[in-house]
Structures are given as structure tokens and as C-alpha cells.
Amino acid sequence: MFKKNILIAGGSKGLGYEVVKEFSNMSNLFVFSRKKRNLSKNINFFSVDLSKEKNTFNAFKALRKKIKKVDLIIFCVGSGTPNSKNELSKKSIMNYLDINFFTFSNLINAYLSLFNFQKTNIIVISSIAGKKYIKAPIGYSLAKNSLDFFVKILAKNLAANKININLISPGNILINNNNWSKKLKKNPKIVKRYIKSNVPLNSFIESKEIIDLIRFLIYNSKTITGSDFVIDGGQVL
């Protein structure tokens, strides 16, 4: 078991919640999220809106009072849920950037400032929507593309500080009560036809596959940084 301090950002629902459950038996687990939702009472939880710079710094200040070092950060914040009929409006695009890009830029800025560029391992959950147009909302695709390039820049700039940072870019994740789960229940034939037509391996991505990859990066990150692990059944090929 990984017996060091772990911070999971965005751990109250979706993939983030699945990741938290995987590490929930650890006393040194800390979670940043806007709402606690179904998280265990024993979780070291910090209520924070990471899209707000001040809120993010305050959360890290509170965390700094509890621990002196963060050994692993797993960033699971993000959403591609449609937010406007006008995808090209500045408001719509900025909303996607706030949720999918600025949440991470705020987090890394606060971490580096308050933990003094300490050695750590950072795993960022992105999406294949930032690599290929898959009919995801335009603002979401732009935000994920920006996130991917930002991580690449950080990987090079922070390598001298022994900070490893890598991406995991999933395709269509099927988790209980997530968007794909709801679509599958509502229109099973349409969804199955879409997956068959667009995913060469004709399959959804399970959370366990992503968690296994996270575990690999935890134990084998010494010489891996700036890498992007795509797990999508071949969709972006």
C-alpha cells in the first residue's frame, strides 16, 4: 500500500469518487471537492471551488497546517455537460475553461506556492476530447486541449524539482449514474451503435482500468513525466 500523503481533487462523484473509494482505507488521504456528497465521514475533506483562485489558496493553506508534504496529487476535476445552446458564446467557452482548465492551473499554482516546489507525483485526468473532435462540446474540447499542453509545459519546467506530472486521457467511461450510464438506459440501441461505429474495440472504459493505470504511475513514475496515457478502445486512432 502507498503509505504517503495523497490529495485527490474532484473526488465526490464520477471517476474521482471511484478513485477515492480505491484509496479510502488510507488515513493519509485528503480530498478537495465542492461538495462532500457520499464521501465517508472519515475522509479528510476540504470544501473548495477550485475554479476560484482565492478559494484554492485557502484550501491549500488549511492542508499545509495538517501536513508538510504532498506525495501524490490525482486531479479528477472536469465536466463536459452541455451548458448552453450557443456553444460559441464567450460565456459558454469560459465556463468550460473554468471547470476543466483553471481548476488545475489554480491548484498547481497554489501547491507550488505553499509547498515550495517540493518533489511530488501528479496525475491529471484529461479526455480524448482534447485530441480529436468527437462531437463533444466545443468549449470542453478546447479546455481539455489547453490542459494537455499546459501539463506538457509544466512537466518540462518542473522536472528539475523532481516533480513528475502525467496525463491519463480516457474515452467513454461507463460508471454508475454518470452521463454514459444515463444515455445507455435511455437509448441503449443508439448508444451501442455509436460505440460500435466509433470505438474499434467496441467497448466502454471501466473505472478499474483507469485506476490500474494510476497505480502503475504511482509505483513507476521515477522516469516518467510529460506522458499522456490514452485509454479509449482505439477511438482516436
Protein backbone atom coordinates (compact mmCIF):
# COMPACT_ATOMS: atom_id res chain seq x y z
CA MET A 1 0.00 0.00 0.00
CA PHE A 2 1.12 3.52 -0.82
CA LYS A 3 1.80 4.92 2.67
CA LYS A 4 2.23 8.59 1.85
CA ASN A 5 0.08 11.73 1.66
CA ILE A 6 -2.39 11.64 -1.22
CA LEU A 7 -4.53 14.55 -2.42
CA ILE A 8 -7.44 13.84 -4.75
CA ALA A 9 -9.08 16.85 -6.40
CA GLY A 10 -12.65 16.35 -7.53
CA GLY A 11 -13.45 13.25 -5.54
CA SER A 12 -17.15 13.47 -4.74
CA LYS A 13 -18.66 11.97 -7.90
CA GLY A 14 -17.86 10.23 -11.18
CA LEU A 15 -14.37 8.89 -11.74
CA GLY A 16 -12.96 10.94 -8.86
CA TYR A 17 -15.33 9.23 -6.44
CA GLU A 18 -14.24 5.81 -7.75
CA VAL A 19 -10.60 6.79 -7.18
CA VAL A 20 -11.37 7.97 -3.64
CA LYS A 21 -13.10 4.67 -2.86
CA GLU A 22 -10.00 2.83 -4.04
CA PHE A 23 -7.83 4.70 -1.51
CA SER A 24 -10.48 5.29 1.17
CA ASN A 25 -8.88 2.95 3.72
CA MET A 26 -5.89 5.25 4.00
CA SER A 27 -5.70 7.71 6.89
CA ASN A 28 -3.42 9.98 4.86
CA LEU A 29 -5.97 10.63 2.09
CA PHE A 30 -7.17 14.20 1.52
CA VAL A 31 -9.96 15.26 -0.82
CA PHE A 32 -10.71 18.64 -2.40
CA SER A 33 -14.22 19.00 -3.79
CA ARG A 34 -17.11 21.45 -3.80
CA LYS A 35 -19.47 19.01 -2.07
CA LYS A 36 -18.91 16.01 0.15
CA ARG A 37 -21.89 14.08 -1.25
CA ASN A 38 -21.44 10.36 -0.45
CA LEU A 39 -17.89 10.57 0.84
CA SER A 40 -17.16 8.76 4.08
CA LYS A 41 -17.16 10.81 7.28
CA ASN A 42 -13.62 9.58 7.92
CA ILE A 43 -12.29 11.27 4.77
CA ASN A 44 -10.08 14.34 5.29
CA PHE A 45 -12.39 16.55 3.23
CA PHE A 46 -11.92 20.19 2.20
CA SER A 47 -14.85 22.01 0.63
CA VAL A 48 -13.38 24.13 -2.17
CA ASP A 49 -14.31 25.51 -5.58
CA LEU A 50 -11.02 25.08 -7.46
CA SER A 51 -12.17 27.41 -10.24
CA LYS A 52 -11.78 30.23 -7.69
CA GLU A 53 -8.15 31.18 -7.11
CA LYS A 54 -8.65 32.53 -3.59
CA ASN A 55 -10.69 29.50 -2.51
CA THR A 56 -7.96 27.21 -3.83
CA PHE A 57 -5.19 29.03 -1.94
CA ASN A 58 -7.25 28.94 1.26
CA ALA A 59 -7.75 25.18 0.89
CA PHE A 60 -4.02 24.61 0.46
CA LYS A 61 -3.28 26.83 3.46
CA ALA A 62 -5.59 24.62 5.54
CA LEU A 63 -3.94 21.49 4.12
CA ARG A 64 -0.48 22.91 4.88
CA LYS A 65 -1.43 23.12 8.56
CA LYS A 66 -2.12 19.38 8.58
CA ILE A 67 0.78 18.04 6.51
CA LYS A 68 4.19 19.25 5.43
CA LYS A 69 4.37 17.32 2.16
CA VAL A 70 2.06 16.02 -0.58
CA ASP A 71 3.47 12.87 -2.18
CA LEU A 72 0.77 12.32 -4.77
CA ILE A 73 -1.87 14.53 -6.40
CA ILE A 74 -4.62 12.99 -8.52
CA PHE A 75 -6.61 15.61 -10.41
CA CYS A 76 -10.08 14.40 -11.46
CA VAL A 77 -11.95 17.70 -11.87
CA GLY A 78 -13.86 18.31 -15.10
CA SER A 79 -17.18 18.23 -16.90
CA GLY A 80 -18.34 18.11 -20.50
CA THR A 81 -22.02 18.54 -19.70
CA PRO A 82 -23.59 20.96 -22.24
CA ASN A 83 -24.09 24.38 -20.63
CA SER A 84 -25.54 26.50 -23.45
CA LYS A 85 -27.37 26.31 -26.77
CA ASN A 86 -24.79 28.75 -28.13
CA GLU A 87 -21.51 26.86 -27.91
CA LEU A 88 -19.58 29.74 -29.46
CA SER A 89 -20.53 32.30 -26.83
CA LYS A 90 -17.76 33.60 -24.61
CA LYS A 91 -19.82 32.69 -21.55
CA SER A 92 -20.12 29.07 -22.63
CA ILE A 93 -16.44 28.66 -23.53
CA MET A 94 -15.28 30.38 -20.34
CA ASN A 95 -17.49 28.10 -18.27
CA TYR A 96 -15.76 25.03 -19.73
CA LEU A 97 -12.35 26.64 -19.20
CA ASP A 98 -13.22 27.43 -15.57
CA ILE A 99 -14.22 23.82 -14.86
CA ASN A 100 -11.67 21.96 -16.96
CA PHE A 101 -8.58 24.19 -17.12
CA PHE A 102 -8.48 26.92 -14.49
CA THR A 103 -9.32 24.41 -11.75
CA PHE A 104 -5.97 22.76 -12.45
CA SER A 105 -3.98 25.95 -13.05
CA ASN A 106 -5.27 27.28 -9.72
CA LEU A 107 -4.41 24.02 -7.98
CA ILE A 108 -0.85 23.77 -9.31
CA ASN A 109 -0.20 27.47 -8.62
CA ALA A 110 -1.37 27.18 -5.01
CA TYR A 111 0.51 23.89 -4.46
CA LEU A 112 3.81 25.20 -5.80
CA SER A 113 3.47 28.46 -3.87
CA LEU A 114 2.56 26.97 -0.50
CA PHE A 115 4.54 23.71 -0.61
CA ASN A 116 7.67 25.34 -2.07
CA PHE A 117 8.08 23.25 -5.23
CA GLN A 118 8.50 20.05 -3.22
CA LYS A 119 9.04 16.77 -5.03
CA THR A 120 5.72 15.10 -5.85
CA ASN A 121 3.92 12.89 -8.35
CA ILE A 122 0.95 14.47 -10.18
CA ILE A 123 -1.58 12.54 -12.26
CA VAL A 124 -4.04 14.58 -14.31
CA ILE A 125 -7.22 13.06 -15.72
CA SER A 126 -7.96 14.65 -19.08
CA SER A 127 -10.00 13.39 -22.05
CA ILE A 128 -9.61 12.29 -25.65
CA ALA A 129 -11.87 15.26 -26.49
CA GLY A 130 -8.74 17.40 -26.37
CA LYS A 131 -7.03 15.30 -29.03
CA LYS A 132 -9.68 14.70 -31.66
CA TYR A 133 -13.07 16.18 -32.48
CA ILE A 134 -15.54 13.59 -31.20
CA LYS A 135 -18.61 15.86 -31.18
CA ALA A 136 -18.04 16.85 -27.57
CA PRO A 137 -18.98 20.47 -26.72
CA ILE A 138 -16.55 22.87 -28.40
CA GLY A 139 -15.60 24.64 -25.18
CA TYR A 140 -14.92 21.32 -23.46
CA SER A 141 -12.63 20.17 -26.28
CA LEU A 142 -10.75 23.49 -26.22
CA ALA A 143 -10.35 23.35 -22.44
CA LYS A 144 -9.01 19.78 -22.46
CA ASN A 145 -6.62 20.59 -25.30
CA SER A 146 -5.31 23.54 -23.29
CA LEU A 147 -4.97 21.35 -20.19
CA ASP A 148 -2.95 18.76 -22.10
CA PHE A 149 -0.48 21.32 -23.47
CA PHE A 150 -0.23 23.03 -20.06
CA VAL A 151 0.75 19.72 -18.45
CA LYS A 152 3.43 19.17 -21.10
CA ILE A 153 4.91 22.61 -20.37
CA LEU A 154 4.82 22.01 -16.62
CA ALA A 155 6.45 18.59 -16.97
CA LYS A 156 9.50 20.15 -18.60
CA ASN A 157 9.63 23.20 -16.34
CA LEU A 158 9.22 21.25 -13.09
CA ALA A 159 11.46 18.28 -13.85
CA ALA A 160 14.42 19.91 -12.10
CA ASN A 161 12.34 19.96 -8.90
CA LYS A 162 11.71 16.21 -9.20
CA ILE A 163 8.02 16.84 -9.85
CA ASN A 164 6.58 14.20 -12.17
CA ILE A 165 3.37 15.11 -13.96
CA ASN A 166 1.49 12.88 -16.38
CA LEU A 167 -1.85 12.71 -18.15
CA ILE A 168 -4.42 9.95 -18.40
CA SER A 169 -6.88 10.60 -21.22
CA PRO A 170 -9.90 8.28 -21.13
CA GLY A 171 -12.51 7.82 -23.80
CA ASN A 172 -16.10 6.86 -22.96
CA ILE A 173 -16.15 5.97 -19.26
CA LEU A 174 -19.09 3.93 -18.01
CA ILE A 175 -19.71 4.45 -14.29
CA ASN A 176 -22.95 4.01 -12.38
CA ASN A 177 -25.12 7.14 -12.78
CA ASN A 178 -22.66 9.05 -14.97
CA ASN A 179 -23.70 10.59 -18.32
CA TRP A 180 -22.99 7.49 -20.38
CA SER A 181 -24.84 5.31 -17.89
CA LYS A 182 -27.91 7.56 -18.19
CA LYS A 183 -27.70 7.65 -22.00
CA LEU A 184 -27.38 3.86 -22.12
CA LYS A 185 -30.52 3.42 -20.03
CA LYS A 186 -32.47 5.96 -22.08
CA ASN A 187 -31.38 4.93 -25.61
CA PRO A 188 -29.45 1.63 -25.46
CA LYS A 189 -29.62 0.94 -29.21
CA ILE A 190 -28.35 4.40 -30.20
CA VAL A 191 -25.53 4.32 -27.65
CA LYS A 192 -24.41 0.81 -28.59
CA ARG A 193 -24.48 1.79 -32.28
CA TYR A 194 -22.33 4.84 -31.51
CA ILE A 195 -19.75 2.81 -29.60
CA LYS A 196 -19.62 0.15 -32.31
CA SER A 197 -19.15 2.78 -35.04
CA ASN A 198 -16.58 4.94 -33.24
CA VAL A 199 -14.60 2.67 -30.92
CA PRO A 200 -12.57 -0.06 -32.70
CA LEU A 201 -12.60 -2.31 -29.63
CA ASN A 202 -16.37 -1.71 -29.30
CA SER A 203 -16.23 -1.13 -25.55
CA PHE A 204 -16.66 1.44 -22.81
CA ILE A 205 -13.83 2.29 -20.44
CA GLU A 206 -14.24 0.97 -16.90
CA SER A 207 -13.01 2.92 -13.89
CA LYS A 208 -10.90 -0.07 -12.82
CA GLU A 209 -8.79 0.24 -15.98
CA ILE A 210 -8.00 3.87 -15.17
CA ILE A 211 -7.30 3.10 -11.51
CA ASP A 212 -4.91 0.32 -12.56
CA LEU A 213 -3.09 2.88 -14.70
CA ILE A 214 -2.98 5.31 -11.78
CA ARG A 215 -1.42 2.59 -9.63
CA PHE A 216 1.16 1.93 -12.34
CA LEU A 217 2.12 5.61 -12.37
CA ILE A 218 2.32 5.69 -8.58
CA TYR A 219 4.87 2.92 -8.46
CA ASN A 220 6.71 3.56 -11.73
CA SER A 221 6.90 7.33 -12.01
CA LYS A 222 10.61 7.84 -11.34
CA THR A 223 11.47 8.36 -15.01
CA ILE A 224 8.02 9.05 -16.46
CA THR A 225 6.92 12.65 -16.89
CA GLY A 226 5.07 14.61 -19.56
CA SER A 227 3.47 11.43 -20.88
CA ASP A 228 -0.13 11.08 -22.00
CA PHE A 229 -1.72 7.67 -21.49
CA VAL A 230 -4.72 7.35 -23.79
CA ILE A 231 -7.22 4.66 -22.81
CA ASP A 232 -10.12 4.78 -25.26
CA GLY A 233 -10.52 1.47 -27.06
CA GLY A 234 -8.78 2.94 -30.11
CA GLN A 235 -11.21 5.82 -30.66
CA VAL A 236 -8.61 8.48 -31.53
CA LEU A 237 -6.64 6.25 -33.92
